[in-house]
Amino acid sequence: MSKALVAGPCISEFGWELCEFQGHVRKLAQGCSKVVVCSFAGHLPLYADMNPEFIPHHVDGWRDCHRMRDGSITNPAELQRVQRKLDARMGELMRTGYTVTRIESIPKKGKAVGTRRPIDQQCFIKFGNPARVPDVFPLVIHARARPDKVKTSGDNYPKKAWEELLKLLAAAGLSKVAAVGLHGASIVPVGAVDHRGHELQPTMDLMAAATIVVGPSSGPMHLASLCGTPHMVWATDRHQSAIMLRNRERYVQYWNPIKTPVKVLLHKSNEVLPAAQLAAAVLELLRA
């Protein structure tokens, strides 16, 4: 009997989709002759190697780990629409003789903590193709500037500090800089070229072609890991209750499945690390 996989809707944070969901989908897709994936519009490149039937959604809200924060979804009808569509697609496949496996990014009620998937339940590939990049930027940055609904933890690095950091790196030879991210959630410091808002595939290609990616803890830094590009990241040393790990373990070990070189600097909540310290860490990683 033919096997099929119906996965989604994925409504998680980007980092969770990268490191906890799409790898699990790829593992379960092995041996399936039909794969259906529902995720955010534009995220097809994360699943393209599986040749899926891709169902995009536009669910909007405050993404929090594997789900959206309770009560934050601004268009619940959209979530209901894609859930109904997936249920209907699953029914169609079963009626035509498929044995169907169904997974979602939302954990079962009461299972919000400890929902990480063991590495043996995932399968990862390297994203991005440097050969597709007509203009290579050795340094790619993610200057996170997200308007969080909670007190910041230091993940938003000040624009002036970014510009000081870029001057120090330019003096060391990293003068050609591309800034990636989303409009409204990231900035472009003086000294960088704006590559925000680009589609996911060219962004992955840009990262894969780079010498190094630099930025505070964020989804794009996890993407750098899966593009195989060395990256320097700074983060608070807080315990991640949903996966029972601290940030250093997450970046260096658990959420680094293809063992990409990474340098992690830890700081206290709301502490702004000196640009000179960040620059020194970048150069140390490049010399390693």
Protein backbone atom coordinates (compact mmCIF):
# COMPACT_ATOMS: atom_id res chain seq x y z
CA MET A 1 0.00 0.00 0.00
CA SER A 2 1.34 3.49 -0.88
CA LYS A 3 2.35 5.78 1.98
CA ALA A 4 1.62 9.50 2.28
CA LEU A 5 2.63 12.21 4.73
CA VAL A 6 0.48 15.25 5.56
CA ALA A 7 2.48 17.81 7.58
CA GLY A 8 1.23 21.05 9.05
CA PRO A 9 0.08 23.64 9.40
CA CYS A 10 3.44 24.82 10.68
CA ILE A 11 2.85 28.04 12.66
CA SER A 12 6.04 28.00 14.71
CA GLU A 13 8.88 30.46 15.04
CA PHE A 14 11.25 30.29 12.07
CA GLY A 15 14.05 28.74 14.12
CA TRP A 16 11.71 26.00 15.31
CA GLU A 17 10.57 25.26 11.79
CA LEU A 18 14.19 25.01 10.71
CA CYS A 19 15.49 22.86 13.53
CA GLU A 20 12.48 20.97 14.90
CA PHE A 21 9.91 20.62 12.11
CA GLN A 22 11.24 20.50 8.56
CA GLY A 23 13.90 17.93 9.49
CA HIS A 24 11.22 15.74 11.07
CA VAL A 25 9.05 16.09 7.95
CA ARG A 26 12.00 14.98 5.80
CA LYS A 27 12.63 11.95 8.01
CA LEU A 28 8.99 10.83 7.88
CA ALA A 29 8.82 11.52 4.14
CA GLN A 30 11.30 8.73 3.48
CA GLY A 31 9.41 5.91 1.81
CA CYS A 32 6.36 8.10 1.08
CA SER A 33 5.16 8.46 -2.49
CA LYS A 34 3.10 11.54 -1.60
CA VAL A 35 4.08 14.42 0.69
CA VAL A 36 1.79 17.34 1.56
CA VAL A 37 3.27 20.25 3.52
CA CYS A 38 1.48 23.33 4.85
CA SER A 39 3.60 26.23 6.08
CA PHE A 40 4.02 29.98 5.74
CA ALA A 41 3.84 31.36 2.22
CA GLY A 42 7.38 31.54 0.86
CA HIS A 43 8.74 28.62 2.91
CA LEU A 44 8.58 26.02 0.14
CA PRO A 45 12.40 26.04 -0.33
CA LEU A 46 12.74 24.33 3.06
CA TYR A 47 10.87 21.31 1.67
CA ALA A 48 11.59 21.49 -2.09
CA ASP A 49 13.89 18.44 -2.08
CA MET A 50 10.86 16.32 -1.06
CA ASN A 51 8.86 17.50 -4.11
CA PRO A 52 5.81 18.14 -1.92
CA GLU A 53 2.35 19.39 -2.63
CA PHE A 54 2.84 22.70 -0.82
CA ILE A 55 -0.12 24.49 0.78
CA PRO A 56 0.88 28.05 1.80
CA HIS A 57 -0.85 29.88 4.62
CA HIS A 58 -0.90 33.46 5.90
CA VAL A 59 -1.64 32.89 9.59
CA ASP A 60 -0.56 36.01 11.47
CA GLY A 61 0.31 36.36 15.14
CA TRP A 62 3.07 36.30 17.71
CA ARG A 63 5.09 33.18 16.94
CA ASP A 64 6.39 31.48 20.07
CA CYS A 65 8.51 28.33 19.74
CA HIS A 66 6.40 25.58 18.17
CA ARG A 67 3.14 27.55 18.03
CA MET A 68 1.71 31.04 18.25
CA ARG A 69 1.23 32.65 21.62
CA ASP A 70 -2.27 31.94 22.94
CA GLY A 71 -4.76 34.53 21.79
CA SER A 72 -2.29 36.28 19.48
CA ILE A 73 -3.58 35.04 16.11
CA THR A 74 -5.14 38.00 14.32
CA ASN A 75 -6.78 35.96 11.53
CA PRO A 76 -8.04 32.70 13.10
CA ALA A 77 -10.23 32.05 10.05
CA GLU A 78 -7.05 31.51 8.00
CA LEU A 79 -5.82 28.85 10.41
CA GLN A 80 -9.21 27.16 10.32
CA ARG A 81 -9.17 27.28 6.51
CA VAL A 82 -5.86 25.46 6.12
CA GLN A 83 -6.72 22.96 8.85
CA ARG A 84 -9.89 22.07 6.98
CA LYS A 85 -7.97 21.84 3.73
CA LEU A 86 -5.41 19.47 5.26
CA ASP A 87 -8.14 17.34 6.83
CA ALA A 88 -9.86 17.13 3.44
CA ARG A 89 -6.60 16.29 1.66
CA MET A 90 -5.89 13.56 4.19
CA GLY A 91 -9.36 12.10 3.60
CA GLU A 92 -8.86 12.15 -0.17
CA LEU A 93 -5.56 10.29 0.12
CA MET A 94 -7.03 7.65 2.42
CA ARG A 95 -9.96 7.10 0.06
CA THR A 96 -7.56 6.50 -2.82
CA GLY A 97 -5.66 3.81 -0.96
CA TYR A 98 -2.87 5.67 0.85
CA THR A 99 -1.74 4.94 4.38
CA VAL A 100 -1.42 8.46 5.76
CA THR A 101 0.77 9.84 8.56
CA ARG A 102 -0.28 13.28 9.87
CA ILE A 103 1.92 15.61 11.92
CA GLU A 104 1.49 19.21 13.09
CA SER A 105 3.84 21.78 14.57
CA ILE A 106 1.41 22.33 17.44
CA PRO A 107 2.00 19.89 20.33
CA LYS A 108 -0.81 18.02 22.02
CA LYS A 109 -2.51 19.84 24.87
CA GLY A 110 -0.38 19.73 27.98
CA LYS A 111 2.78 18.89 26.00
CA ALA A 112 4.14 22.39 25.40
CA VAL A 113 7.35 21.70 27.32
CA GLY A 114 9.83 19.08 26.18
CA THR A 115 8.47 18.84 22.64
CA ARG A 116 11.86 18.76 20.91
CA ARG A 117 12.43 15.86 18.55
CA PRO A 118 15.49 13.61 19.00
CA ILE A 119 18.05 13.93 16.23
CA ASP A 120 17.37 10.36 15.11
CA GLN A 121 13.82 11.45 14.27
CA GLN A 122 15.06 14.12 11.88
CA CYS A 123 16.91 14.32 8.58
CA PHE A 124 18.66 17.53 7.54
CA ILE A 125 20.13 18.79 4.30
CA LYS A 126 22.41 21.72 3.57
CA PHE A 127 20.51 24.71 2.22
CA GLY A 128 21.65 27.26 -0.35
CA ASN A 129 23.66 27.17 -3.56
CA PRO A 130 26.60 29.62 -3.81
CA ALA A 131 26.79 29.07 -7.58
CA ARG A 132 23.50 30.96 -7.97
CA VAL A 133 24.84 34.15 -6.34
CA PRO A 134 25.96 36.73 -8.92
CA ASP A 135 27.42 39.10 -6.31
CA VAL A 136 28.97 37.47 -3.24
CA PHE A 137 29.01 39.29 0.10
CA PRO A 138 31.69 37.81 2.40
CA LEU A 139 29.89 39.21 5.46
CA VAL A 140 26.14 38.74 5.93
CA ILE A 141 24.47 40.25 9.00
CA HIS A 142 21.07 40.04 10.63
CA ALA A 143 20.57 43.31 12.50
CA ARG A 144 17.54 42.20 14.50
CA ALA A 145 15.23 45.05 15.53
CA ARG A 146 11.98 43.30 16.33
CA PRO A 147 9.26 45.23 18.17
CA ASP A 148 8.76 42.54 20.82
CA LYS A 149 5.69 42.57 23.01
CA VAL A 150 7.80 41.73 26.03
CA LYS A 151 10.87 43.34 27.60
CA THR A 152 13.85 42.82 25.30
CA SER A 153 16.59 40.44 26.31
CA GLY A 154 19.36 42.21 24.42
CA ASP A 155 18.62 40.50 21.10
CA ASN A 156 18.04 43.90 19.47
CA TYR A 157 21.50 45.41 19.01
CA PRO A 158 21.62 49.25 18.76
CA LYS A 159 22.15 50.76 15.30
CA LYS A 160 25.15 52.85 16.40
CA ALA A 161 26.79 49.77 17.91
CA TRP A 162 26.19 47.89 14.65
CA GLU A 163 27.86 50.67 12.69
CA GLU A 164 30.85 50.64 15.04
CA LEU A 165 31.08 46.85 14.62
CA LEU A 166 30.98 47.12 10.81
CA LYS A 167 33.76 49.73 10.84
CA LEU A 168 35.95 47.40 12.90
CA LEU A 169 35.25 44.47 10.58
CA ALA A 170 35.84 46.60 7.47
CA ALA A 171 39.25 47.53 8.85
CA ALA A 172 39.95 43.80 9.12
CA GLY A 173 38.97 43.20 5.49
CA LEU A 174 35.25 42.43 5.77
CA SER A 175 34.00 45.55 4.02
CA LYS A 176 31.37 44.09 1.69
CA VAL A 177 28.29 43.50 3.84
CA ALA A 178 24.73 42.36 3.11
CA ALA A 179 21.93 42.82 5.65
CA VAL A 180 19.17 40.17 5.61
CA GLY A 181 15.90 39.88 7.53
CA LEU A 182 12.35 41.13 7.40
CA HIS A 183 11.31 44.73 6.94
CA GLY A 184 10.00 45.97 10.27
CA ALA A 185 11.96 43.37 12.22
CA SER A 186 15.51 44.29 11.20
CA ILE A 187 17.56 47.32 10.23
CA VAL A 188 20.31 48.14 7.73
CA PRO A 189 23.26 49.83 9.45
CA VAL A 190 25.43 52.28 7.52
CA GLY A 191 28.02 50.21 5.69
CA ALA A 192 25.65 47.37 4.68
CA VAL A 193 23.66 46.72 1.51
CA ASP A 194 19.94 46.07 2.02
CA HIS A 195 18.96 42.49 1.15
CA ARG A 196 15.95 42.37 3.48
CA GLY A 197 12.62 41.10 2.29
CA HIS A 198 14.08 38.86 -0.40
CA GLU A 199 12.56 35.45 -1.04
CA LEU A 200 13.89 32.59 1.04
CA GLN A 201 15.83 30.75 -1.68
CA PRO A 202 18.03 33.69 -2.75
CA THR A 203 18.58 34.52 0.92
CA MET A 204 19.80 30.97 1.57
CA ASP A 205 22.03 31.17 -1.51
CA LEU A 206 23.47 34.49 -0.27
CA MET A 207 24.21 32.96 3.14
CA ALA A 208 25.73 29.81 1.64
CA ALA A 209 28.11 31.94 -0.44
CA ALA A 210 29.20 34.12 2.50
CA THR A 211 32.39 33.72 4.48
CA ILE A 212 30.61 34.41 7.77
CA VAL A 213 27.18 35.40 9.11
CA VAL A 214 26.93 37.64 12.19
CA GLY A 215 24.02 38.59 14.41
CA PRO A 216 22.17 38.16 17.69
CA SER A 217 20.12 35.05 18.45
CA SER A 218 17.37 34.77 15.81
CA GLY A 219 15.92 32.53 13.14
CA PRO A 220 18.34 33.74 10.43
CA MET A 221 21.28 32.65 12.58
CA HIS A 222 19.86 29.12 12.72
CA LEU A 223 19.43 29.32 8.95
CA ALA A 224 23.14 30.17 8.63
CA SER A 225 23.89 26.94 10.47
CA LEU A 226 21.83 24.91 7.99
CA CYS A 227 23.52 26.72 5.07
CA GLY A 228 26.86 25.46 6.39
CA THR A 229 28.23 28.98 6.84
CA PRO A 230 30.37 29.83 9.90
CA HIS A 231 28.48 32.25 12.12
CA MET A 232 29.08 34.32 15.22
CA VAL A 233 26.04 34.82 17.43
CA TRP A 234 25.39 36.47 20.77
CA ALA A 235 22.59 35.47 23.13
CA THR A 236 21.49 35.54 26.74
CA ASP A 237 22.53 32.54 28.81
CA ARG A 238 18.96 31.68 29.66
CA HIS A 239 17.49 28.24 29.91
CA GLN A 240 15.23 27.33 26.99
CA SER A 241 12.46 25.50 28.85
CA ALA A 242 10.74 24.22 25.71
CA ILE A 243 13.82 22.20 24.72
CA MET A 244 15.47 21.96 28.15
CA LEU A 245 18.75 23.51 26.97
CA ARG A 246 20.71 26.72 27.32
CA ASN A 247 21.49 28.89 24.32
CA ARG A 248 25.14 27.82 23.95
CA GLU A 249 24.14 24.14 23.81
CA ARG A 250 21.42 24.96 21.33
CA TYR A 251 23.69 26.78 18.87
CA VAL A 252 26.82 24.66 19.23
CA GLN A 253 25.32 21.19 19.59
CA TYR A 254 21.64 20.36 19.43
CA TRP A 255 20.48 22.83 16.76
CA ASN A 256 23.65 22.44 14.71
CA PRO A 257 22.97 19.13 12.90
CA ILE A 258 25.53 19.55 10.11
CA LYS A 259 28.23 20.72 12.56
CA THR A 260 28.74 24.19 11.14
CA PRO A 261 31.51 26.22 12.85
CA VAL A 262 29.95 28.68 15.29
CA LYS A 263 31.13 31.11 17.94
CA VAL A 264 28.66 31.99 20.72
CA LEU A 265 29.01 34.94 23.08
CA LEU A 266 26.72 35.02 26.10
CA HIS A 267 25.49 38.13 27.90
CA LYS A 268 23.12 39.19 30.62
CA SER A 269 19.58 40.26 29.79
CA ASN A 270 19.55 43.77 28.24
CA GLU A 271 23.36 43.92 28.22
CA VAL A 272 24.88 45.46 25.08
CA LEU A 273 28.16 43.73 24.27
CA PRO A 274 30.93 46.08 23.11
CA ALA A 275 31.46 46.17 19.35
CA ALA A 276 35.18 45.49 19.88
CA GLN A 277 34.35 42.25 21.71
CA LEU A 278 32.06 41.10 18.90
CA ALA A 279 34.63 41.99 16.24
CA ALA A 280 37.32 40.05 18.06
CA ALA A 281 35.03 37.00 18.22
CA VAL A 282 34.33 37.21 14.47
CA LEU A 283 38.03 37.33 13.64
CA GLU A 284 38.79 34.51 16.07
CA LEU A 285 36.23 32.28 14.32
CA LEU A 286 37.66 33.15 10.90
CA ARG A 287 41.17 32.22 12.08
CA ALA A 288 40.02 28.88 13.54
